[in-house]
């Protein structure tokens, strides 16, 4: 993991770490309430984001998610597009990490 520690900047890199409890089924919930990153030019309100998943081999690292979401700050993009882009990038991140 390369995004831990102070001084990190917004970016599109999502990082994962090994799930040491793969034998258990549990749900990970990550929430970003009223994130100003989505107060772009197209829609003046902010968008709360909730991501829920059952981890397999890898778990999404939360700071990388925060920096990833910040990368959308002040971009003229619709919420519907952002939602699908986030899903696509999460799937890509897990597949690159060897997750099925």
C-alpha atoms as a PDB file:
ATOM      1  CA  UNK A   1       0.000   0.000   0.000  1.00  0.00           C
ATOM      2  CA  UNK A   2       1.498   3.256  -1.099  1.00  0.00           C
ATOM      3  CA  UNK A   3      -1.123   5.828  -0.078  1.00  0.00           C
ATOM      4  CA  UNK A   4      -0.881   5.584   3.705  1.00  0.00           C
ATOM      5  CA  UNK A   5       0.666   8.447   5.650  1.00  0.00           C
ATOM      6  CA  UNK A   6       0.352  12.221   5.518  1.00  0.00           C
ATOM      7  CA  UNK A   7       0.611  14.426   2.464  1.00  0.00           C
ATOM      8  CA  UNK A   8      -1.149  12.214  -0.044  1.00  0.00           C
ATOM      9  CA  UNK A   9      -3.056  13.826  -2.899  1.00  0.00           C
ATOM     10  CA  UNK A  10      -6.279  12.936  -4.672  1.00  0.00           C
ATOM     11  CA  UNK A  11      -5.858  10.380  -7.422  1.00  0.00           C
ATOM     12  CA  UNK A  12      -7.463   7.480  -9.237  1.00  0.00           C
ATOM     13  CA  UNK A  13      -5.439   4.713  -7.547  1.00  0.00           C
ATOM     14  CA  UNK A  14      -7.485   2.223  -5.502  1.00  0.00           C
ATOM     15  CA  UNK A  15      -5.473  -0.078  -3.258  1.00  0.00           C
ATOM     16  CA  UNK A  16      -6.353  -3.369  -1.593  1.00  0.00           C
ATOM     17  CA  UNK A  17      -4.913  -5.492   1.179  1.00  0.00           C
ATOM     18  CA  UNK A  18      -5.217  -9.217   1.925  1.00  0.00           C
ATOM     19  CA  UNK A  19      -8.324 -10.509   3.671  1.00  0.00           C
ATOM     20  CA  UNK A  20      -7.073 -12.678   6.538  1.00  0.00           C
ATOM     21  CA  UNK A  21     -10.597 -13.944   7.295  1.00  0.00           C
ATOM     22  CA  UNK A  22     -11.687 -15.404   3.966  1.00  0.00           C
ATOM     23  CA  UNK A  23     -13.447 -18.310   5.683  1.00  0.00           C
ATOM     24  CA  UNK A  24     -16.015 -15.881   7.141  1.00  0.00           C
ATOM     25  CA  UNK A  25     -18.812 -14.186   5.241  1.00  0.00           C
ATOM     26  CA  UNK A  26     -19.043 -10.596   6.428  1.00  0.00           C
ATOM     27  CA  UNK A  27     -19.975  -7.279   4.912  1.00  0.00           C
ATOM     28  CA  UNK A  28     -17.698  -4.256   4.642  1.00  0.00           C
ATOM     29  CA  UNK A  29     -19.486  -0.907   4.505  1.00  0.00           C
ATOM     30  CA  UNK A  30     -17.646   2.260   3.541  1.00  0.00           C
ATOM     31  CA  UNK A  31     -19.545   5.541   3.672  1.00  0.00           C
ATOM     32  CA  UNK A  32     -18.714   9.019   2.554  1.00  0.00           C
ATOM     33  CA  UNK A  33     -21.430  11.337   3.779  1.00  0.00           C
ATOM     34  CA  UNK A  34     -22.096  14.495   1.846  1.00  0.00           C
ATOM     35  CA  UNK A  35     -18.742  14.433   0.125  1.00  0.00           C
ATOM     36  CA  UNK A  36     -18.071  17.878  -1.368  1.00  0.00           C
ATOM     37  CA  UNK A  37     -16.116  16.193  -4.145  1.00  0.00           C
ATOM     38  CA  UNK A  38     -19.396  15.722  -5.977  1.00  0.00           C
ATOM     39  CA  UNK A  39     -20.477  19.343  -5.777  1.00  0.00           C
ATOM     40  CA  UNK A  40     -19.397  19.874  -9.366  1.00  0.00           C
ATOM     41  CA  UNK A  41     -20.675  22.161 -12.060  1.00  0.00           C
ATOM     42  CA  UNK A  42     -23.527  19.938 -13.215  1.00  0.00           C
ATOM     43  CA  UNK A  43     -25.260  19.363  -9.904  1.00  0.00           C
ATOM     44  CA  UNK A  44     -24.858  21.779  -6.978  1.00  0.00           C
ATOM     45  CA  UNK A  45     -25.678  19.282  -4.236  1.00  0.00           C
ATOM     46  CA  UNK A  46     -23.280  16.764  -2.787  1.00  0.00           C
ATOM     47  CA  UNK A  47     -23.609  13.020  -3.174  1.00  0.00           C
ATOM     48  CA  UNK A  48     -23.343  10.616  -0.247  1.00  0.00           C
ATOM     49  CA  UNK A  49     -21.602   7.408  -1.326  1.00  0.00           C
ATOM     50  CA  UNK A  50     -22.063   4.013   0.342  1.00  0.00           C
ATOM     51  CA  UNK A  51     -20.111   0.977  -0.816  1.00  0.00           C
ATOM     52  CA  UNK A  52     -21.034  -2.426   0.597  1.00  0.00           C
ATOM     53  CA  UNK A  53     -19.403  -5.689  -0.375  1.00  0.00           C
ATOM     54  CA  UNK A  54     -18.481  -9.110   0.959  1.00  0.00           C
ATOM     55  CA  UNK A  55     -14.700  -9.377   0.654  1.00  0.00           C
ATOM     56  CA  UNK A  56     -13.010 -12.393  -0.811  1.00  0.00           C
ATOM     57  CA  UNK A  57      -9.212 -12.370  -1.243  1.00  0.00           C
ATOM     58  CA  UNK A  58      -8.760  -8.583  -0.965  1.00  0.00           C
ATOM     59  CA  UNK A  59     -10.245  -5.689   1.007  1.00  0.00           C
ATOM     60  CA  UNK A  60     -10.453  -2.135  -0.312  1.00  0.00           C
ATOM     61  CA  UNK A  61      -8.131   0.203   1.583  1.00  0.00           C
ATOM     62  CA  UNK A  62     -10.259   3.091   2.880  1.00  0.00           C
ATOM     63  CA  UNK A  63      -7.731   5.931   2.517  1.00  0.00           C
ATOM     64  CA  UNK A  64      -7.188   5.089  -1.128  1.00  0.00           C
ATOM     65  CA  UNK A  65     -10.975   5.226  -1.564  1.00  0.00           C
ATOM     66  CA  UNK A  66     -11.109   8.649   0.108  1.00  0.00           C
ATOM     67  CA  UNK A  67      -8.373  10.007  -2.165  1.00  0.00           C
ATOM     68  CA  UNK A  68     -10.057   8.402  -5.167  1.00  0.00           C
ATOM     69  CA  UNK A  69     -13.395  10.044  -4.347  1.00  0.00           C
ATOM     70  CA  UNK A  70     -11.660  13.394  -3.817  1.00  0.00           C
ATOM     71  CA  UNK A  71     -10.324  13.145  -7.370  1.00  0.00           C
ATOM     72  CA  UNK A  72     -13.855  13.899  -8.576  1.00  0.00           C
ATOM     73  CA  UNK A  73     -13.911  17.243  -6.752  1.00  0.00           C
ATOM     74  CA  UNK A  74     -15.198  20.099  -8.884  1.00  0.00           C
ATOM     75  CA  UNK A  75     -15.451  17.996 -12.013  1.00  0.00           C
ATOM     76  CA  UNK A  76     -18.507  18.659 -14.169  1.00  0.00           C
ATOM     77  CA  UNK A  77     -19.931  15.158 -13.949  1.00  0.00           C
ATOM     78  CA  UNK A  78     -23.379  13.741 -13.240  1.00  0.00           C
ATOM     79  CA  UNK A  79     -23.934  11.556 -10.168  1.00  0.00           C
ATOM     80  CA  UNK A  80     -25.176   8.683 -12.319  1.00  0.00           C
ATOM     81  CA  UNK A  81     -21.931   8.680 -14.275  1.00  0.00           C
ATOM     82  CA  UNK A  82     -19.815   8.860 -11.115  1.00  0.00           C
ATOM     83  CA  UNK A  83     -21.685   5.931  -9.561  1.00  0.00           C
ATOM     84  CA  UNK A  84     -20.998   3.721 -12.574  1.00  0.00           C
ATOM     85  CA  UNK A  85     -17.394   4.914 -12.877  1.00  0.00           C
ATOM     86  CA  UNK A  86     -16.777   4.026  -9.213  1.00  0.00           C
ATOM     87  CA  UNK A  87     -18.226   0.544  -9.723  1.00  0.00           C
ATOM     88  CA  UNK A  88     -16.138  -0.010 -12.866  1.00  0.00           C
ATOM     89  CA  UNK A  89     -12.969   1.115 -11.082  1.00  0.00           C
ATOM     90  CA  UNK A  90     -13.679  -1.063  -8.023  1.00  0.00           C
ATOM     91  CA  UNK A  91     -14.183  -4.125 -10.225  1.00  0.00           C
ATOM     92  CA  UNK A  92     -10.989  -3.319 -12.137  1.00  0.00           C
ATOM     93  CA  UNK A  93      -9.068  -2.796  -8.885  1.00  0.00           C
ATOM     94  CA  UNK A  94     -10.150  -6.156  -7.507  1.00  0.00           C
ATOM     95  CA  UNK A  95      -9.465  -7.985 -10.761  1.00  0.00           C
ATOM     96  CA  UNK A  96      -5.969  -6.472 -10.930  1.00  0.00           C
ATOM     97  CA  UNK A  97      -5.447  -7.645  -7.335  1.00  0.00           C
ATOM     98  CA  UNK A  98      -6.341 -11.204  -8.336  1.00  0.00           C
ATOM     99  CA  UNK A  99      -9.906 -11.154  -7.027  1.00  0.00           C
ATOM    100  CA  UNK A 100     -12.451 -13.158  -9.013  1.00  0.00           C
END
